[in-house]
Amino acid sequence: MNFLANFSDNAKVWVYFSKSKINSSQKQIISDLSVLFMNDWTSHGEKVRGDVVVYDDCFLVICAEVSSDSMCGRAVDANVRFVKDIESKTGLSLLDRMTAAYRNIEGEIMISTFHKLKDSIDSKSTNDILKVFNPMVYTKKEFTSSFEQDLEKSWMS
């Protein structure tokens, strides 16, 4: 998670789960759009210091920090518009909050729906689920400490 090294623990983090693996051409489009977005992103008239990263080919992670520690509503709205723009230009689905992800015993990240994953956990048919990814992280500190969680200690168990 070196991409977060230059941000404070309180930096804001948004994680968007992709319904499919993000390929190299999609990553290039995201990178190109990110440069434009970061150059224009402001909150309360102040330039937002941030970064956009494709993490493990499955997650779009946006990190942002402003000196006031508070992002204005317009800045958050701009973030969502940016993600919608990525979706329209890449064909990815990133804003479906019912998308879930887990790491299987082979170490691969698997994409599922929240309901399917929850049903597997509830029915104890989780032999291949090693870790789950927590979409409810909002700061760098939370991302680094609890984004990927052991199933038994996760928000889903």
N, C-alpha and C. Protein backbone atom coordinates (compact mmCIF):
# COMPACT_ATOMS: atom_id res chain seq x y z
N MET A 1 0.82 -1.19 0.00
CA MET A 1 0.00 0.00 0.00
C MET A 1 0.86 1.25 0.00
N ASN A 2 1.95 1.17 -0.75
CA ASN A 2 2.87 2.30 -0.83
C ASN A 2 2.22 3.56 -1.40
N PHE A 3 1.16 3.40 -2.17
CA PHE A 3 0.51 4.56 -2.77
C PHE A 3 -0.09 5.47 -1.70
N LEU A 4 -0.27 5.00 -0.50
CA LEU A 4 -0.83 5.81 0.58
C LEU A 4 0.25 6.39 1.50
N ALA A 5 1.50 6.11 1.23
CA ALA A 5 2.58 6.48 2.14
C ALA A 5 2.66 7.98 2.41
N ASN A 6 2.31 8.80 1.45
CA ASN A 6 2.44 10.25 1.62
C ASN A 6 1.19 10.92 2.17
N PHE A 7 0.26 10.14 2.68
CA PHE A 7 -0.98 10.68 3.22
C PHE A 7 -1.05 10.41 4.72
N SER A 8 -1.72 11.31 5.44
CA SER A 8 -1.90 11.12 6.88
C SER A 8 -2.91 10.00 7.12
N ASP A 9 -2.94 9.48 8.33
CA ASP A 9 -3.89 8.43 8.69
C ASP A 9 -5.34 8.88 8.53
N ASN A 10 -5.58 10.18 8.61
CA ASN A 10 -6.95 10.70 8.51
C ASN A 10 -7.37 11.05 7.09
N ALA A 11 -6.49 10.82 6.12
CA ALA A 11 -6.85 11.10 4.73
C ALA A 11 -8.10 10.30 4.35
N LYS A 12 -8.97 10.90 3.58
CA LYS A 12 -10.21 10.25 3.15
C LYS A 12 -9.90 9.20 2.08
N VAL A 13 -10.61 8.08 2.17
CA VAL A 13 -10.43 7.00 1.19
C VAL A 13 -11.80 6.54 0.72
N TRP A 14 -11.93 6.40 -0.59
CA TRP A 14 -13.11 5.80 -1.20
C TRP A 14 -12.65 4.56 -1.94
N VAL A 15 -13.32 3.45 -1.73
CA VAL A 15 -13.00 2.21 -2.42
C VAL A 15 -14.21 1.79 -3.24
N TYR A 16 -13.97 1.58 -4.53
CA TYR A 16 -15.02 1.13 -5.43
C TYR A 16 -14.65 -0.25 -5.93
N PHE A 17 -15.55 -1.22 -5.70
CA PHE A 17 -15.33 -2.59 -6.12
C PHE A 17 -15.75 -2.73 -7.58
N SER A 18 -14.89 -3.31 -8.39
CA SER A 18 -15.23 -3.57 -9.79
C SER A 18 -15.88 -4.94 -9.89
N LYS A 19 -16.88 -5.05 -10.75
CA LYS A 19 -17.54 -6.35 -10.95
C LYS A 19 -16.69 -7.29 -11.78
N SER A 20 -15.63 -6.77 -12.39
CA SER A 20 -14.72 -7.59 -13.19
C SER A 20 -13.29 -7.11 -12.97
N LYS A 21 -12.34 -7.95 -13.33
CA LYS A 21 -10.94 -7.55 -13.22
C LYS A 21 -10.69 -6.35 -14.13
N ILE A 22 -9.88 -5.45 -13.69
CA ILE A 22 -9.56 -4.25 -14.45
C ILE A 22 -8.32 -4.55 -15.29
N ASN A 23 -8.49 -4.48 -16.62
CA ASN A 23 -7.40 -4.86 -17.51
C ASN A 23 -6.47 -3.68 -17.80
N SER A 24 -5.40 -3.94 -18.54
CA SER A 24 -4.37 -2.92 -18.76
C SER A 24 -4.89 -1.72 -19.55
N SER A 25 -5.74 -1.93 -20.54
CA SER A 25 -6.25 -0.78 -21.29
C SER A 25 -7.20 0.05 -20.43
N GLN A 26 -7.97 -0.59 -19.58
CA GLN A 26 -8.84 0.14 -18.65
C GLN A 26 -8.00 0.91 -17.63
N LYS A 27 -6.91 0.30 -17.17
CA LYS A 27 -6.01 0.99 -16.24
C LYS A 27 -5.42 2.25 -16.88
N GLN A 28 -5.08 2.17 -18.15
CA GLN A 28 -4.52 3.34 -18.84
C GLN A 28 -5.55 4.45 -18.94
N ILE A 29 -6.78 4.09 -19.26
CA ILE A 29 -7.85 5.09 -19.32
C ILE A 29 -8.05 5.73 -17.95
N ILE A 30 -8.07 4.91 -16.91
CA ILE A 30 -8.22 5.42 -15.54
C ILE A 30 -7.07 6.36 -15.20
N SER A 31 -5.87 5.98 -15.56
CA SER A 31 -4.70 6.82 -15.29
C SER A 31 -4.82 8.16 -16.00
N ASP A 32 -5.19 8.14 -17.27
CA ASP A 32 -5.34 9.38 -18.03
C ASP A 32 -6.43 10.28 -17.45
N LEU A 33 -7.58 9.69 -17.11
CA LEU A 33 -8.67 10.47 -16.52
C LEU A 33 -8.29 11.00 -15.14
N SER A 34 -7.50 10.23 -14.41
CA SER A 34 -7.10 10.62 -13.06
C SER A 34 -6.25 11.88 -13.06
N VAL A 35 -5.36 11.99 -14.03
CA VAL A 35 -4.51 13.18 -14.12
C VAL A 35 -5.38 14.42 -14.28
N LEU A 36 -6.34 14.34 -15.19
CA LEU A 36 -7.24 15.47 -15.42
C LEU A 36 -8.06 15.79 -14.17
N PHE A 37 -8.60 14.76 -13.55
CA PHE A 37 -9.42 14.94 -12.37
C PHE A 37 -8.62 15.57 -11.23
N MET A 38 -7.45 15.03 -10.96
CA MET A 38 -6.64 15.52 -9.84
C MET A 38 -6.21 16.97 -10.06
N ASN A 39 -5.99 17.35 -11.31
CA ASN A 39 -5.59 18.74 -11.59
C ASN A 39 -6.70 19.73 -11.26
N ASP A 40 -7.96 19.29 -11.34
CA ASP A 40 -9.10 20.20 -11.16
C ASP A 40 -9.85 20.03 -9.85
N TRP A 41 -9.55 18.99 -9.06
CA TRP A 41 -10.34 18.67 -7.88
C TRP A 41 -10.07 19.67 -6.76
N THR A 42 -11.12 20.32 -6.30
CA THR A 42 -10.99 21.29 -5.20
C THR A 42 -12.07 21.04 -4.16
N SER A 43 -11.80 21.52 -2.96
CA SER A 43 -12.77 21.48 -1.87
C SER A 43 -12.66 22.81 -1.12
N HIS A 44 -13.78 23.49 -0.99
CA HIS A 44 -13.79 24.82 -0.35
C HIS A 44 -12.77 25.75 -1.00
N GLY A 45 -12.61 25.64 -2.33
CA GLY A 45 -11.68 26.49 -3.06
C GLY A 45 -10.23 26.08 -2.97
N GLU A 46 -9.93 25.03 -2.23
CA GLU A 46 -8.56 24.55 -2.04
C GLU A 46 -8.33 23.31 -2.90
N LYS A 47 -7.18 23.24 -3.55
CA LYS A 47 -6.84 22.06 -4.35
C LYS A 47 -6.75 20.84 -3.44
N VAL A 48 -7.37 19.77 -3.86
CA VAL A 48 -7.31 18.52 -3.11
C VAL A 48 -6.03 17.79 -3.48
N ARG A 49 -5.30 17.36 -2.47
CA ARG A 49 -4.12 16.51 -2.70
C ARG A 49 -4.61 15.08 -2.66
N GLY A 50 -4.46 14.38 -3.77
CA GLY A 50 -5.01 13.05 -3.80
C GLY A 50 -4.30 12.12 -4.75
N ASP A 51 -4.81 10.92 -4.81
CA ASP A 51 -4.28 9.91 -5.71
C ASP A 51 -5.40 8.94 -6.07
N VAL A 52 -5.28 8.36 -7.25
CA VAL A 52 -6.23 7.36 -7.73
C VAL A 52 -5.41 6.15 -8.13
N VAL A 53 -5.79 4.99 -7.60
CA VAL A 53 -5.03 3.78 -7.83
C VAL A 53 -5.96 2.61 -8.11
N VAL A 54 -5.55 1.77 -9.07
CA VAL A 54 -6.22 0.48 -9.23
C VAL A 54 -5.46 -0.48 -8.34
N TYR A 55 -6.17 -1.04 -7.37
CA TYR A 55 -5.56 -1.90 -6.36
C TYR A 55 -5.94 -3.35 -6.63
N ASP A 56 -4.95 -4.21 -6.76
CA ASP A 56 -5.14 -5.65 -6.99
C ASP A 56 -6.06 -5.95 -8.17
N ASP A 57 -6.07 -5.10 -9.17
CA ASP A 57 -6.85 -5.30 -10.40
C ASP A 57 -8.36 -5.41 -10.18
N CYS A 58 -8.83 -5.12 -8.98
CA CYS A 58 -10.25 -5.28 -8.68
C CYS A 58 -10.89 -4.05 -8.03
N PHE A 59 -10.08 -3.16 -7.52
CA PHE A 59 -10.61 -2.06 -6.74
C PHE A 59 -10.06 -0.73 -7.25
N LEU A 60 -10.94 0.26 -7.33
CA LEU A 60 -10.51 1.62 -7.61
C LEU A 60 -10.46 2.32 -6.25
N VAL A 61 -9.29 2.83 -5.90
CA VAL A 61 -9.10 3.49 -4.61
C VAL A 61 -8.76 4.95 -4.87
N ILE A 62 -9.53 5.83 -4.26
CA ILE A 62 -9.28 7.26 -4.35
C ILE A 62 -8.96 7.75 -2.95
N CYS A 63 -7.82 8.41 -2.82
CA CYS A 63 -7.40 8.95 -1.54
C CYS A 63 -7.32 10.46 -1.69
N ALA A 64 -7.78 11.19 -0.66
CA ALA A 64 -7.79 12.64 -0.73
C ALA A 64 -7.50 13.26 0.63
N GLU A 65 -6.81 14.39 0.55
CA GLU A 65 -6.49 15.09 1.79
C GLU A 65 -6.56 16.59 1.51
N VAL A 66 -7.20 17.30 2.42
CA VAL A 66 -7.24 18.75 2.37
C VAL A 66 -6.81 19.28 3.73
N SER A 67 -6.28 20.47 3.76
CA SER A 67 -5.74 20.99 5.02
C SER A 67 -6.83 21.19 6.08
N SER A 68 -8.06 21.44 5.65
CA SER A 68 -9.14 21.66 6.63
C SER A 68 -9.70 20.37 7.21
N ASP A 69 -9.25 19.22 6.70
CA ASP A 69 -9.72 17.90 7.16
C ASP A 69 -11.19 17.65 6.85
N SER A 70 -11.81 18.53 6.07
CA SER A 70 -13.21 18.37 5.75
C SER A 70 -13.43 18.59 4.26
N MET A 71 -13.98 17.60 3.59
CA MET A 71 -14.28 17.72 2.17
C MET A 71 -15.67 18.32 2.02
N CYS A 72 -15.80 19.28 1.11
CA CYS A 72 -17.12 19.85 0.88
C CYS A 72 -17.96 18.92 0.01
N GLY A 73 -19.26 19.13 0.03
CA GLY A 73 -20.17 18.28 -0.74
C GLY A 73 -19.87 18.30 -2.23
N ARG A 74 -19.49 19.45 -2.75
CA ARG A 74 -19.16 19.54 -4.18
C ARG A 74 -17.97 18.67 -4.53
N ALA A 75 -16.98 18.60 -3.64
CA ALA A 75 -15.79 17.77 -3.89
C ALA A 75 -16.17 16.29 -3.89
N VAL A 76 -17.05 15.91 -2.98
CA VAL A 76 -17.50 14.51 -2.94
C VAL A 76 -18.33 14.21 -4.19
N ASP A 77 -19.19 15.13 -4.59
CA ASP A 77 -19.98 14.96 -5.82
C ASP A 77 -19.07 14.83 -7.03
N ALA A 78 -17.99 15.62 -7.07
CA ALA A 78 -17.04 15.55 -8.18
C ALA A 78 -16.39 14.17 -8.23
N ASN A 79 -16.11 13.62 -7.08
CA ASN A 79 -15.54 12.28 -6.99
C ASN A 79 -16.49 11.26 -7.65
N VAL A 80 -17.75 11.32 -7.31
CA VAL A 80 -18.73 10.38 -7.87
C VAL A 80 -18.87 10.59 -9.38
N ARG A 81 -18.91 11.84 -9.83
CA ARG A 81 -18.98 12.11 -11.28
C ARG A 81 -17.76 11.54 -11.99
N PHE A 82 -16.60 11.65 -11.36
CA PHE A 82 -15.36 11.11 -11.90
C PHE A 82 -15.47 9.58 -12.06
N VAL A 83 -15.99 8.91 -11.05
CA VAL A 83 -16.13 7.45 -11.12
C VAL A 83 -17.14 7.08 -12.21
N LYS A 84 -18.22 7.83 -12.33
CA LYS A 84 -19.19 7.58 -13.41
C LYS A 84 -18.55 7.77 -14.77
N ASP A 85 -17.67 8.75 -14.90
CA ASP A 85 -16.95 8.98 -16.15
C ASP A 85 -16.05 7.79 -16.46
N ILE A 86 -15.38 7.28 -15.44
CA ILE A 86 -14.55 6.08 -15.62
C ILE A 86 -15.41 4.92 -16.10
N GLU A 87 -16.56 4.74 -15.47
CA GLU A 87 -17.47 3.66 -15.88
C GLU A 87 -17.85 3.80 -17.36
N SER A 88 -18.22 5.00 -17.75
CA SER A 88 -18.70 5.19 -19.13
C SER A 88 -17.58 5.00 -20.15
N LYS A 89 -16.35 5.30 -19.78
CA LYS A 89 -15.24 5.21 -20.75
C LYS A 89 -14.52 3.87 -20.72
N THR A 90 -14.78 3.06 -19.69
CA THR A 90 -14.10 1.76 -19.60
C THR A 90 -15.04 0.57 -19.68
N GLY A 91 -16.34 0.80 -19.45
CA GLY A 91 -17.28 -0.30 -19.40
C GLY A 91 -17.29 -1.02 -18.06
N LEU A 92 -16.53 -0.52 -17.10
CA LEU A 92 -16.51 -1.13 -15.77
C LEU A 92 -17.76 -0.75 -15.00
N SER A 93 -18.12 -1.60 -14.03
CA SER A 93 -19.20 -1.29 -13.10
C SER A 93 -18.55 -1.12 -11.73
N LEU A 94 -18.54 0.12 -11.24
CA LEU A 94 -17.84 0.44 -9.99
C LEU A 94 -18.75 0.95 -8.88
N LEU A 95 -19.94 1.38 -9.22
CA LEU A 95 -20.80 2.03 -8.24
C LEU A 95 -21.89 1.13 -7.65
N ASP A 96 -21.87 -0.14 -7.99
CA ASP A 96 -22.85 -1.07 -7.44
C ASP A 96 -22.40 -1.48 -6.04
N ARG A 97 -23.04 -0.94 -5.03
CA ARG A 97 -22.66 -1.22 -3.65
C ARG A 97 -23.03 -2.62 -3.18
N MET A 98 -23.65 -3.40 -4.04
CA MET A 98 -23.96 -4.79 -3.69
C MET A 98 -22.87 -5.74 -4.17
N THR A 99 -21.80 -5.21 -4.73
CA THR A 99 -20.66 -6.02 -5.15
C THR A 99 -19.79 -6.30 -3.94
N ALA A 100 -19.38 -7.53 -3.80
CA ALA A 100 -18.52 -7.94 -2.69
C ALA A 100 -17.31 -8.66 -3.26
N ALA A 101 -16.28 -8.78 -2.44
CA ALA A 101 -15.07 -9.46 -2.89
C ALA A 101 -14.45 -10.21 -1.72
N TYR A 102 -13.79 -11.32 -2.08
CA TYR A 102 -13.09 -12.10 -1.07
C TYR A 102 -11.84 -12.70 -1.69
N ARG A 103 -10.91 -13.11 -0.86
CA ARG A 103 -9.70 -13.80 -1.31
C ARG A 103 -9.88 -15.28 -0.99
N ASN A 104 -9.70 -16.12 -2.01
CA ASN A 104 -9.86 -17.55 -1.77
C ASN A 104 -8.55 -18.15 -1.26
N ILE A 105 -8.59 -19.45 -0.96
CA ILE A 105 -7.43 -20.09 -0.35
C ILE A 105 -6.24 -20.16 -1.31
N GLU A 106 -6.48 -19.99 -2.61
CA GLU A 106 -5.39 -19.94 -3.59
C GLU A 106 -4.80 -18.53 -3.68
N GLY A 107 -5.38 -17.58 -2.96
CA GLY A 107 -4.88 -16.21 -2.98
C GLY A 107 -5.49 -15.32 -4.05
N GLU A 108 -6.44 -15.86 -4.81
CA GLU A 108 -7.09 -15.09 -5.87
C GLU A 108 -8.22 -14.26 -5.28
N ILE A 109 -8.42 -13.07 -5.84
CA ILE A 109 -9.55 -12.25 -5.43
C ILE A 109 -10.74 -12.63 -6.29
N MET A 110 -11.83 -12.93 -5.62
CA MET A 110 -13.05 -13.34 -6.30
C MET A 110 -14.11 -12.26 -6.09
N ILE A 111 -14.83 -11.96 -7.15
CA ILE A 111 -15.89 -10.95 -7.10
C ILE A 111 -17.22 -11.69 -7.02
N SER A 112 -18.09 -11.20 -6.18
CA SER A 112 -19.39 -11.83 -5.97
C SER A 112 -20.40 -10.72 -5.69
N THR A 113 -21.60 -11.15 -5.39
CA THR A 113 -22.57 -10.18 -4.88
C THR A 113 -22.57 -10.30 -3.36
N PHE A 114 -22.98 -9.25 -2.72
CA PHE A 114 -23.05 -9.27 -1.26
C PHE A 114 -23.94 -10.42 -0.79
N HIS A 115 -25.10 -10.60 -1.45
CA HIS A 115 -26.05 -11.63 -1.01
C HIS A 115 -25.48 -13.04 -1.17
N LYS A 116 -24.82 -13.31 -2.29
CA LYS A 116 -24.22 -14.64 -2.48
C LYS A 116 -23.14 -14.91 -1.45
N LEU A 117 -22.30 -13.92 -1.21
CA LEU A 117 -21.23 -14.10 -0.23
C LEU A 117 -21.81 -14.29 1.17
N LYS A 118 -22.78 -13.48 1.52
CA LYS A 118 -23.42 -13.59 2.84
C LYS A 118 -24.11 -14.95 2.99
N ASP A 119 -24.79 -15.42 1.94
CA ASP A 119 -25.43 -16.75 1.99
C ASP A 119 -24.40 -17.84 2.20
N SER A 120 -23.25 -17.76 1.54
CA SER A 120 -22.18 -18.75 1.72
C SER A 120 -21.68 -18.75 3.16
N ILE A 121 -21.52 -17.57 3.71
CA ILE A 121 -21.04 -17.46 5.09
C ILE A 121 -22.08 -17.99 6.07
N ASP A 122 -23.34 -17.60 5.87
CA ASP A 122 -24.41 -18.05 6.76
C ASP A 122 -24.63 -19.55 6.71
N SER A 123 -24.43 -20.16 5.54
CA SER A 123 -24.63 -21.60 5.41
C SER A 123 -23.36 -22.39 5.72
N LYS A 124 -22.32 -21.69 6.14
CA LYS A 124 -21.04 -22.30 6.53
C LYS A 124 -20.35 -23.00 5.36
N SER A 125 -20.69 -22.63 4.12
CA SER A 125 -20.00 -23.21 2.96
C SER A 125 -18.92 -22.24 2.50
N THR A 126 -17.97 -22.02 3.40
CA THR A 126 -16.93 -21.02 3.17
C THR A 126 -15.54 -21.63 3.10
N ASN A 127 -15.45 -22.88 2.72
CA ASN A 127 -14.16 -23.57 2.72
C ASN A 127 -13.11 -22.87 1.87
N ASP A 128 -13.54 -22.21 0.79
CA ASP A 128 -12.55 -21.58 -0.08
C ASP A 128 -12.37 -20.08 0.21
N ILE A 129 -13.09 -19.53 1.19
CA ILE A 129 -12.98 -18.11 1.50
C ILE A 129 -11.97 -17.92 2.63
N LEU A 130 -10.89 -17.22 2.31
CA LEU A 130 -9.85 -16.97 3.30
C LEU A 130 -10.04 -15.60 3.97
N LYS A 131 -10.25 -14.58 3.15
CA LYS A 131 -10.42 -13.22 3.65
C LYS A 131 -11.53 -12.53 2.87
N VAL A 132 -12.12 -11.51 3.47
CA VAL A 132 -13.12 -10.69 2.77
C VAL A 132 -12.63 -9.24 2.78
N PHE A 133 -13.12 -8.50 1.81
CA PHE A 133 -12.75 -7.10 1.68
C PHE A 133 -13.86 -6.23 2.24
N ASN A 134 -13.48 -5.28 3.06
CA ASN A 134 -14.41 -4.43 3.77
C ASN A 134 -14.63 -3.13 2.99
N PRO A 135 -15.83 -2.93 2.45
CA PRO A 135 -16.08 -1.71 1.69
C PRO A 135 -16.33 -0.49 2.58
N MET A 136 -16.41 -0.70 3.87
CA MET A 136 -16.77 0.38 4.81
C MET A 136 -15.53 1.01 5.45
N VAL A 137 -14.52 1.26 4.65
CA VAL A 137 -13.35 1.97 5.15
C VAL A 137 -13.39 3.39 4.59
N TYR A 138 -13.09 4.36 5.42
CA TYR A 138 -13.24 5.76 5.01
C TYR A 138 -11.98 6.59 5.19
N THR A 139 -10.95 6.03 5.83
CA THR A 139 -9.70 6.76 6.02
C THR A 139 -8.53 5.84 5.66
N LYS A 140 -7.37 6.46 5.49
CA LYS A 140 -6.16 5.67 5.21
C LYS A 140 -5.93 4.65 6.33
N LYS A 141 -6.08 5.10 7.57
CA LYS A 141 -5.84 4.20 8.70
C LYS A 141 -6.76 2.98 8.63
N GLU A 142 -8.05 3.21 8.36
CA GLU A 142 -8.99 2.10 8.24
C GLU A 142 -8.64 1.20 7.05
N PHE A 143 -8.25 1.82 5.94
CA PHE A 143 -7.90 1.03 4.76
C PHE A 143 -6.71 0.12 5.05
N THR A 144 -5.67 0.68 5.65
CA THR A 144 -4.47 -0.13 5.89
C THR A 144 -4.67 -1.18 6.98
N SER A 145 -5.59 -0.93 7.91
CA SER A 145 -5.77 -1.88 9.02
C SER A 145 -6.91 -2.86 8.82
N SER A 146 -7.92 -2.49 8.02
CA SER A 146 -9.09 -3.38 7.99
C SER A 146 -9.78 -3.53 6.64
N PHE A 147 -9.09 -3.18 5.56
CA PHE A 147 -9.72 -3.39 4.25
C PHE A 147 -9.83 -4.88 3.94
N GLU A 148 -8.74 -5.61 4.15
CA GLU A 148 -8.76 -7.06 3.94
C GLU A 148 -8.75 -7.73 5.30
N GLN A 149 -9.81 -8.50 5.58
CA GLN A 149 -9.99 -9.06 6.91
C GLN A 149 -10.14 -10.58 6.86
N ASP A 150 -9.59 -11.25 7.87
CA ASP A 150 -9.83 -12.68 8.02
C ASP A 150 -11.34 -12.87 8.14
N LEU A 151 -11.85 -13.90 7.51
CA LEU A 151 -13.30 -14.14 7.49
C LEU A 151 -13.88 -14.15 8.91
N GLU A 152 -13.21 -14.86 9.81
CA GLU A 152 -13.75 -15.01 11.17
C GLU A 152 -13.84 -13.68 11.92
N LYS A 153 -13.01 -12.72 11.56
CA LYS A 153 -12.98 -11.44 12.27
C LYS A 153 -13.60 -10.32 11.42
N SER A 154 -14.24 -10.70 10.35
CA SER A 154 -14.71 -9.69 9.39
C SER A 154 -16.06 -9.10 9.76
N TRP A 155 -16.39 -8.06 9.08
CA TRP A 155 -17.68 -7.39 9.23
C TRP A 155 -18.82 -8.26 8.75
N MET A 156 -18.52 -9.34 8.01
CA MET A 156 -19.58 -10.20 7.46
C MET A 156 -19.88 -11.42 8.32
N SER A 157 -19.03 -11.72 9.28
CA SER A 157 -19.29 -12.96 10.04
C SER A 157 -20.17 -12.72 11.24
